[in-house]
Amino acid sequence: MHELSIAIGIVKIAEDETAKAKAKQVTKIELEIGVLSGIELESLNFVWESAVKNTVLEFAKKEIDIIKGIGKCLDCDTEFEMKYVYDTCPKCKSNFKGILKGKELRVKAIEVI
């Protein structure tokens, strides 16, 4: 379950940014997570409370923006929505594609007091 280490990494980012802003607490954190990132949202939500306990994120509101997966076929140049990294091109059925969007995992915004 690598979601725990991801949650701990998010806590570290929030603590670093809170210290830079000379703030005491985070009131809201906004995350962007792509459907192709390999992150299981249920697992992340499950470990979140343990990871943020006694940190600047303990009482923060967490918002997650889900980024749809978009791929581009390398054979026919078709752009298409992807739900899984192994999706094939809907036009030519090729497995050769580039992933344009959907692998994101980033802290988009942090609100502090």
C-alpha atoms as a PDB file:
ATOM      1  CA  MET A   1       0.000   0.000   0.000  1.00  0.00           C
ATOM      2  CA  HIS A   2       2.076   2.898  -1.276  1.00  0.00           C
ATOM      3  CA  GLU A   3      -0.752   5.335  -0.555  1.00  0.00           C
ATOM      4  CA  LEU A   4       0.535   5.728   3.019  1.00  0.00           C
ATOM      5  CA  SER A   5       3.930   6.926   1.773  1.00  0.00           C
ATOM      6  CA  ILE A   6       2.150   9.255  -0.661  1.00  0.00           C
ATOM      7  CA  ALA A   7       0.040  10.688   2.172  1.00  0.00           C
ATOM      8  CA  ILE A   8       3.177  11.180   4.286  1.00  0.00           C
ATOM      9  CA  GLY A   9       4.824  12.942   1.337  1.00  0.00           C
ATOM     10  CA  ILE A  10       1.819  15.276   1.040  1.00  0.00           C
ATOM     11  CA  VAL A  11       2.111  16.031   4.775  1.00  0.00           C
ATOM     12  CA  LYS A  12       5.804  16.894   4.279  1.00  0.00           C
ATOM     13  CA  ILE A  13       4.949  19.275   1.428  1.00  0.00           C
ATOM     14  CA  ALA A  14       2.248  20.927   3.536  1.00  0.00           C
ATOM     15  CA  GLU A  15       4.580  21.288   6.533  1.00  0.00           C
ATOM     16  CA  ASP A  16       7.324  22.815   4.377  1.00  0.00           C
ATOM     17  CA  GLU A  17       4.955  25.296   2.736  1.00  0.00           C
ATOM     18  CA  THR A  18       3.317  26.191   6.051  1.00  0.00           C
ATOM     19  CA  ALA A  19       6.738  26.913   7.546  1.00  0.00           C
ATOM     20  CA  LYS A  20       7.666  29.102   4.549  1.00  0.00           C
ATOM     21  CA  ALA A  21       4.451  31.092   5.018  1.00  0.00           C
ATOM     22  CA  LYS A  22       5.083  31.316   8.783  1.00  0.00           C
ATOM     23  CA  ALA A  23       1.594  29.895   9.337  1.00  0.00           C
ATOM     24  CA  LYS A  24       0.428  27.550  12.036  1.00  0.00           C
ATOM     25  CA  GLN A  25      -2.188  25.376  10.414  1.00  0.00           C
ATOM     26  CA  VAL A  26      -3.590  24.322   7.054  1.00  0.00           C
ATOM     27  CA  THR A  27      -7.326  24.882   6.639  1.00  0.00           C
ATOM     28  CA  LYS A  28      -7.654  23.345   3.184  1.00  0.00           C
ATOM     29  CA  ILE A  29      -5.518  21.273   0.833  1.00  0.00           C
ATOM     30  CA  GLU A  30      -6.427  20.667  -2.785  1.00  0.00           C
ATOM     31  CA  LEU A  31      -4.917  17.715  -4.634  1.00  0.00           C
ATOM     32  CA  GLU A  32      -4.952  16.736  -8.308  1.00  0.00           C
ATOM     33  CA  ILE A  33      -4.843  12.999  -8.917  1.00  0.00           C
ATOM     34  CA  GLY A  34      -4.999  11.429 -12.355  1.00  0.00           C
ATOM     35  CA  VAL A  35      -6.944   8.240 -12.996  1.00  0.00           C
ATOM     36  CA  LEU A  36      -3.779   6.728 -14.525  1.00  0.00           C
ATOM     37  CA  SER A  37      -1.504   7.677 -11.611  1.00  0.00           C
ATOM     38  CA  GLY A  38      -1.781   4.316  -9.877  1.00  0.00           C
ATOM     39  CA  ILE A  39      -3.263   5.899  -6.766  1.00  0.00           C
ATOM     40  CA  GLU A  40      -6.216   4.061  -5.219  1.00  0.00           C
ATOM     41  CA  LEU A  41      -8.404   6.848  -3.832  1.00  0.00           C
ATOM     42  CA  GLU A  42     -10.125   4.537  -1.354  1.00  0.00           C
ATOM     43  CA  SER A  43      -6.745   3.494   0.033  1.00  0.00           C
ATOM     44  CA  LEU A  44      -5.531   7.096   0.198  1.00  0.00           C
ATOM     45  CA  ASN A  45      -8.670   8.126   2.060  1.00  0.00           C
ATOM     46  CA  PHE A  46      -8.282   5.126   4.381  1.00  0.00           C
ATOM     47  CA  VAL A  47      -4.727   6.039   5.439  1.00  0.00           C
ATOM     48  CA  TRP A  48      -5.263   9.821   5.392  1.00  0.00           C
ATOM     49  CA  GLU A  49      -6.428  10.193   9.002  1.00  0.00           C
ATOM     50  CA  SER A  50      -3.436   8.247  10.345  1.00  0.00           C
ATOM     51  CA  ALA A  51      -0.957  10.118   8.147  1.00  0.00           C
ATOM     52  CA  VAL A  52      -2.164  13.607   9.106  1.00  0.00           C
ATOM     53  CA  LYS A  53      -2.647  13.011  12.846  1.00  0.00           C
ATOM     54  CA  ASN A  54      -0.690  15.585  14.883  1.00  0.00           C
ATOM     55  CA  THR A  55       0.419  17.484  11.756  1.00  0.00           C
ATOM     56  CA  VAL A  56      -0.539  20.795  10.146  1.00  0.00           C
ATOM     57  CA  LEU A  57      -3.081  18.859   8.054  1.00  0.00           C
ATOM     58  CA  GLU A  58      -4.930  17.249  10.965  1.00  0.00           C
ATOM     59  CA  PHE A  59      -7.937  19.579  10.726  1.00  0.00           C
ATOM     60  CA  ALA A  60      -7.617  20.573   7.069  1.00  0.00           C
ATOM     61  CA  LYS A  61     -10.373  20.035   4.560  1.00  0.00           C
ATOM     62  CA  LYS A  62      -9.090  17.777   1.760  1.00  0.00           C
ATOM     63  CA  GLU A  63     -10.356  18.254  -1.799  1.00  0.00           C
ATOM     64  CA  ILE A  64      -9.353  15.940  -4.616  1.00  0.00           C
ATOM     65  CA  ASP A  65      -9.713  16.924  -8.267  1.00  0.00           C
ATOM     66  CA  ILE A  66      -9.746  13.847 -10.488  1.00  0.00           C
ATOM     67  CA  ILE A  67      -7.907  14.289 -13.807  1.00  0.00           C
ATOM     68  CA  LYS A  68      -9.238  12.194 -16.692  1.00  0.00           C
ATOM     69  CA  GLY A  69      -6.802  10.084 -18.648  1.00  0.00           C
ATOM     70  CA  ILE A  70      -6.117  11.221 -22.206  1.00  0.00           C
ATOM     71  CA  GLY A  71      -3.962   9.251 -24.609  1.00  0.00           C
ATOM     72  CA  LYS A  72      -2.770   9.809 -28.162  1.00  0.00           C
ATOM     73  CA  CYS A  73      -2.328   6.891 -30.529  1.00  0.00           C
ATOM     74  CA  LEU A  74       1.167   6.749 -32.000  1.00  0.00           C
ATOM     75  CA  ASP A  75      -0.109   4.940 -35.104  1.00  0.00           C
ATOM     76  CA  CYS A  76      -3.128   7.039 -36.170  1.00  0.00           C
ATOM     77  CA  ASP A  77      -2.766  10.233 -34.022  1.00  0.00           C
ATOM     78  CA  THR A  78      -6.232   9.801 -32.461  1.00  0.00           C
ATOM     79  CA  GLU A  79      -6.665  11.366 -28.997  1.00  0.00           C
ATOM     80  CA  PHE A  80      -8.921   9.355 -26.714  1.00  0.00           C
ATOM     81  CA  GLU A  81     -10.039   9.049 -23.097  1.00  0.00           C
ATOM     82  CA  MET A  82      -8.308   6.364 -21.062  1.00  0.00           C
ATOM     83  CA  LYS A  83      -9.525   4.670 -17.910  1.00  0.00           C
ATOM     84  CA  TYR A  84      -6.568   2.274 -17.677  1.00  0.00           C
ATOM     85  CA  VAL A  85      -2.961   2.485 -18.857  1.00  0.00           C
ATOM     86  CA  TYR A  86      -3.471  -0.594 -21.014  1.00  0.00           C
ATOM     87  CA  ASP A  87      -6.425   0.864 -22.997  1.00  0.00           C
ATOM     88  CA  THR A  88      -6.060   0.562 -26.761  1.00  0.00           C
ATOM     89  CA  CYS A  89      -6.868   3.141 -29.412  1.00  0.00           C
ATOM     90  CA  PRO A  90     -10.606   3.038 -30.101  1.00  0.00           C
ATOM     91  CA  LYS A  91     -10.037   3.847 -33.792  1.00  0.00           C
ATOM     92  CA  CYS A  92      -7.271   1.448 -34.879  1.00  0.00           C
ATOM     93  CA  LYS A  93      -6.960  -0.780 -31.757  1.00  0.00           C
ATOM     94  CA  SER A  94      -3.223  -0.079 -31.475  1.00  0.00           C
ATOM     95  CA  ASN A  95      -1.513  -0.520 -28.113  1.00  0.00           C
ATOM     96  CA  PHE A  96       1.071   2.139 -28.958  1.00  0.00           C
ATOM     97  CA  LYS A  97       0.072   5.423 -27.353  1.00  0.00           C
ATOM     98  CA  GLY A  98       1.417   8.343 -25.420  1.00  0.00           C
ATOM     99  CA  ILE A  99      -0.308   9.421 -22.228  1.00  0.00           C
ATOM    100  CA  LEU A 100      -1.082  13.138 -22.398  1.00  0.00           C
ATOM    101  CA  LYS A 101      -3.038  13.526 -19.136  1.00  0.00           C
ATOM    102  CA  GLY A 102      -4.049  11.415 -16.196  1.00  0.00           C
ATOM    103  CA  LYS A 103      -0.781  10.520 -14.457  1.00  0.00           C
ATOM    104  CA  GLU A 104      -0.808  13.664 -12.300  1.00  0.00           C
ATOM    105  CA  LEU A 105      -0.286  13.636  -8.559  1.00  0.00           C
ATOM    106  CA  ARG A 106       0.203  17.136  -7.246  1.00  0.00           C
ATOM    107  CA  VAL A 107      -0.668  19.489  -4.445  1.00  0.00           C
ATOM    108  CA  LYS A 108      -2.637  22.149  -6.292  1.00  0.00           C
ATOM    109  CA  ALA A 109      -3.316  24.560  -3.415  1.00  0.00           C
ATOM    110  CA  ILE A 110      -2.850  24.951   0.316  1.00  0.00           C
ATOM    111  CA  GLU A 111      -4.788  27.444   2.458  1.00  0.00           C
ATOM    112  CA  VAL A 112      -3.147  28.345   5.756  1.00  0.00           C
ATOM    113  CA  ILE A 113      -3.843  30.455   8.829  1.00  0.00           C
END
